[in-house]
Amino acid sequence: QVQLVESGGGLVQAGGSLRLSCAASGRTFSGWRMGWFRQAPGKEREFVATINWSQATYYADSVKGRFTISRDNAENTVYLQMNSLKPEDTAVYYCAADPTIATMSAKYWGQGTQVTVSS
């Protein structure tokens, strides 16, 4: 089965940057649409960004201009570069394979990585 493993989370000050990685095993995801979602304490899961096989990207308004999603198909890895981080970005970030934004669903999910932004 496909497994997604996130890494790169941590504690960072407001205005700082983090780069999250999601490594896939079990099969290549070259033809898959991939995405990132996040869930803050007491909040519902929300969409962050997606990227398709041809590198087309889509972002939530809350992160547009600050976050960049990218993928390296040869390494079966998707990234989320997060710049100008705000305390509101604090959440567990989840990697998703073949996500559906409307239903916050996906065929596969990673275990999540914690991002904490201090003011």
C-alpha atoms as a PDB file:
ATOM      1  CA  GLN A   1       0.000   0.000   0.000  1.00  0.00           C
ATOM      2  CA  VAL A   2       0.993   3.620  -0.405  1.00  0.00           C
ATOM      3  CA  GLN A   3       2.521   5.367   2.588  1.00  0.00           C
ATOM      4  CA  LEU A   4       3.126   9.089   2.931  1.00  0.00           C
ATOM      5  CA  VAL A   5       5.614  10.347   5.492  1.00  0.00           C
ATOM      6  CA  GLU A   6       5.870  14.046   6.331  1.00  0.00           C
ATOM      7  CA  SER A   7       8.897  15.724   7.842  1.00  0.00           C
ATOM      8  CA  GLY A   8      10.301  19.197   8.395  1.00  0.00           C
ATOM      9  CA  GLY A   9       7.884  20.561  10.968  1.00  0.00           C
ATOM     10  CA  GLY A  10       9.016  22.332  14.087  1.00  0.00           C
ATOM     11  CA  LEU A  11       8.941  25.493  16.152  1.00  0.00           C
ATOM     12  CA  VAL A  12       9.671  28.760  14.387  1.00  0.00           C
ATOM     13  CA  GLN A  13       9.277  32.455  15.156  1.00  0.00           C
ATOM     14  CA  ALA A  14       6.792  34.610  13.281  1.00  0.00           C
ATOM     15  CA  GLY A  15       8.306  35.754  10.009  1.00  0.00           C
ATOM     16  CA  GLY A  16      10.461  32.670   9.729  1.00  0.00           C
ATOM     17  CA  SER A  17      10.420  29.824   7.239  1.00  0.00           C
ATOM     18  CA  LEU A  18      10.050  26.064   7.175  1.00  0.00           C
ATOM     19  CA  ARG A  19      10.198  23.512   4.376  1.00  0.00           C
ATOM     20  CA  LEU A  20       7.976  20.466   4.734  1.00  0.00           C
ATOM     21  CA  SER A  21       8.610  17.255   2.835  1.00  0.00           C
ATOM     22  CA  CYS A  22       6.305  14.356   2.029  1.00  0.00           C
ATOM     23  CA  ALA A  23       7.947  11.163   0.834  1.00  0.00           C
ATOM     24  CA  ALA A  24       5.834   8.467  -0.787  1.00  0.00           C
ATOM     25  CA  SER A  25       6.559   4.760  -0.793  1.00  0.00           C
ATOM     26  CA  GLY A  26       4.806   1.780  -2.336  1.00  0.00           C
ATOM     27  CA  ARG A  27       4.483   3.268  -5.796  1.00  0.00           C
ATOM     28  CA  THR A  28       5.385   6.328  -7.787  1.00  0.00           C
ATOM     29  CA  PHE A  29       3.043   9.311  -7.607  1.00  0.00           C
ATOM     30  CA  SER A  30       4.214  10.926 -10.837  1.00  0.00           C
ATOM     31  CA  GLY A  31       0.677  10.894 -12.227  1.00  0.00           C
ATOM     32  CA  TRP A  32      -1.061  11.876  -8.998  1.00  0.00           C
ATOM     33  CA  ARG A  33      -2.429  15.165  -7.845  1.00  0.00           C
ATOM     34  CA  MET A  34      -0.927  15.855  -4.415  1.00  0.00           C
ATOM     35  CA  GLY A  35      -1.816  18.286  -1.690  1.00  0.00           C
ATOM     36  CA  TRP A  36      -1.255  19.718   1.744  1.00  0.00           C
ATOM     37  CA  PHE A  37      -3.912  20.270   4.392  1.00  0.00           C
ATOM     38  CA  ARG A  38      -3.671  21.490   7.956  1.00  0.00           C
ATOM     39  CA  GLN A  39      -5.628  21.308  11.174  1.00  0.00           C
ATOM     40  CA  ALA A  40      -5.191  23.686  14.090  1.00  0.00           C
ATOM     41  CA  PRO A  41      -6.292  22.873  17.648  1.00  0.00           C
ATOM     42  CA  GLY A  42     -10.043  23.270  17.950  1.00  0.00           C
ATOM     43  CA  LYS A  43     -10.409  23.954  14.232  1.00  0.00           C
ATOM     44  CA  GLU A  44     -11.606  21.936  11.270  1.00  0.00           C
ATOM     45  CA  ARG A  45      -9.165  20.649   8.704  1.00  0.00           C
ATOM     46  CA  GLU A  46      -8.505  23.158   5.938  1.00  0.00           C
ATOM     47  CA  PHE A  47      -7.039  23.086   2.477  1.00  0.00           C
ATOM     48  CA  VAL A  48      -3.592  24.599   1.937  1.00  0.00           C
ATOM     49  CA  ALA A  49      -2.318  23.772  -1.563  1.00  0.00           C
ATOM     50  CA  THR A  50      -2.376  21.220  -4.389  1.00  0.00           C
ATOM     51  CA  ILE A  51      -0.124  20.374  -7.313  1.00  0.00           C
ATOM     52  CA  ASN A  52      -0.910  18.144 -10.276  1.00  0.00           C
ATOM     53  CA  TRP A  53       1.260  16.003 -12.544  1.00  0.00           C
ATOM     54  CA  SER A  54       2.054  18.925 -14.851  1.00  0.00           C
ATOM     55  CA  GLN A  55       3.130  21.184 -11.938  1.00  0.00           C
ATOM     56  CA  ALA A  56      -0.013  23.322 -11.980  1.00  0.00           C
ATOM     57  CA  THR A  57      -0.658  24.658  -8.483  1.00  0.00           C
ATOM     58  CA  TYR A  58      -3.581  25.983  -6.469  1.00  0.00           C
ATOM     59  CA  TYR A  59      -3.445  27.723  -3.090  1.00  0.00           C
ATOM     60  CA  ALA A  60      -5.778  28.743  -0.330  1.00  0.00           C
ATOM     61  CA  ASP A  61      -6.122  32.516  -0.093  1.00  0.00           C
ATOM     62  CA  SER A  62      -4.688  32.458   3.422  1.00  0.00           C
ATOM     63  CA  VAL A  63      -1.296  31.190   2.220  1.00  0.00           C
ATOM     64  CA  LYS A  64      -1.104  32.599  -1.304  1.00  0.00           C
ATOM     65  CA  GLY A  65       2.122  34.510  -1.842  1.00  0.00           C
ATOM     66  CA  ARG A  66       3.763  32.990   1.235  1.00  0.00           C
ATOM     67  CA  PHE A  67       3.703  29.231   0.607  1.00  0.00           C
ATOM     68  CA  THR A  68       4.960  27.303  -2.412  1.00  0.00           C
ATOM     69  CA  ILE A  69       4.100  23.700  -3.209  1.00  0.00           C
ATOM     70  CA  SER A  70       6.425  21.727  -5.464  1.00  0.00           C
ATOM     71  CA  ARG A  71       7.190  18.138  -6.364  1.00  0.00           C
ATOM     72  CA  ASP A  72      10.117  15.989  -7.410  1.00  0.00           C
ATOM     73  CA  ASN A  73       8.622  13.036  -9.245  1.00  0.00           C
ATOM     74  CA  ALA A  74      11.968  11.259  -9.544  1.00  0.00           C
ATOM     75  CA  GLU A  75      12.185  11.187  -5.742  1.00  0.00           C
ATOM     76  CA  ASN A  76       8.451  10.661  -5.151  1.00  0.00           C
ATOM     77  CA  THR A  77       8.482  13.683  -2.887  1.00  0.00           C
ATOM     78  CA  VAL A  78       6.263  16.737  -2.544  1.00  0.00           C
ATOM     79  CA  TYR A  79       7.332  19.879  -0.680  1.00  0.00           C
ATOM     80  CA  LEU A  80       5.735  22.850   0.980  1.00  0.00           C
ATOM     81  CA  GLN A  81       7.992  25.870   1.359  1.00  0.00           C
ATOM     82  CA  MET A  82       6.484  28.158   3.980  1.00  0.00           C
ATOM     83  CA  ASN A  83       7.753  31.720   4.259  1.00  0.00           C
ATOM     84  CA  SER A  84       6.627  34.704   6.331  1.00  0.00           C
ATOM     85  CA  LEU A  85       5.014  32.372   8.822  1.00  0.00           C
ATOM     86  CA  LYS A  86       2.332  33.691  11.141  1.00  0.00           C
ATOM     87  CA  PRO A  87       1.013  32.342  14.457  1.00  0.00           C
ATOM     88  CA  GLU A  88      -2.216  31.556  12.588  1.00  0.00           C
ATOM     89  CA  ASP A  89      -0.253  28.995  10.549  1.00  0.00           C
ATOM     90  CA  THR A  90       0.229  26.852  13.649  1.00  0.00           C
ATOM     91  CA  ALA A  91      -1.284  23.446  12.902  1.00  0.00           C
ATOM     92  CA  VAL A  92      -0.596  19.836  12.119  1.00  0.00           C
ATOM     93  CA  TYR A  93       0.169  19.669   8.407  1.00  0.00           C
ATOM     94  CA  TYR A  94      -0.920  16.615   6.433  1.00  0.00           C
ATOM     95  CA  CYS A  95       0.249  15.402   3.055  1.00  0.00           C
ATOM     96  CA  ALA A  96      -2.477  13.928   0.842  1.00  0.00           C
ATOM     97  CA  ALA A  97      -2.531  11.867  -2.342  1.00  0.00           C
ATOM     98  CA  ASP A  98      -5.385  12.451  -4.794  1.00  0.00           C
ATOM     99  CA  PRO A  99      -7.155  14.979  -2.554  1.00  0.00           C
ATOM    100  CA  THR A 100     -10.674  16.305  -2.983  1.00  0.00           C
ATOM    101  CA  ILE A 101     -10.864  19.798  -1.554  1.00  0.00           C
ATOM    102  CA  ALA A 102     -14.657  20.005  -1.333  1.00  0.00           C
ATOM    103  CA  THR A 103     -14.878  17.034   1.012  1.00  0.00           C
ATOM    104  CA  MET A 104     -11.434  17.314   2.649  1.00  0.00           C
ATOM    105  CA  SER A 105     -10.829  13.736   1.598  1.00  0.00           C
ATOM    106  CA  ALA A 106      -7.974  11.869  -0.044  1.00  0.00           C
ATOM    107  CA  LYS A 107      -7.023   8.379  -1.092  1.00  0.00           C
ATOM    108  CA  TYR A 108      -3.980   8.441   1.181  1.00  0.00           C
ATOM    109  CA  TRP A 109      -2.887  10.608   4.101  1.00  0.00           C
ATOM    110  CA  GLY A 110       0.379  11.087   5.890  1.00  0.00           C
ATOM    111  CA  GLN A 111       0.621  10.984   9.674  1.00  0.00           C
ATOM    112  CA  GLY A 112       1.065  14.733   9.958  1.00  0.00           C
ATOM    113  CA  THR A 113       3.873  17.001  11.102  1.00  0.00           C
ATOM    114  CA  GLN A 114       3.487  19.738  13.706  1.00  0.00           C
ATOM    115  CA  VAL A 115       4.233  23.340  12.792  1.00  0.00           C
ATOM    116  CA  THR A 116       4.231  25.847  15.636  1.00  0.00           C
ATOM    117  CA  VAL A 117       4.755  29.553  14.985  1.00  0.00           C
ATOM    118  CA  SER A 118       5.434  31.784  17.967  1.00  0.00           C
ATOM    119  CA  SER A 119       4.766  35.515  18.032  1.00  0.00           C
END
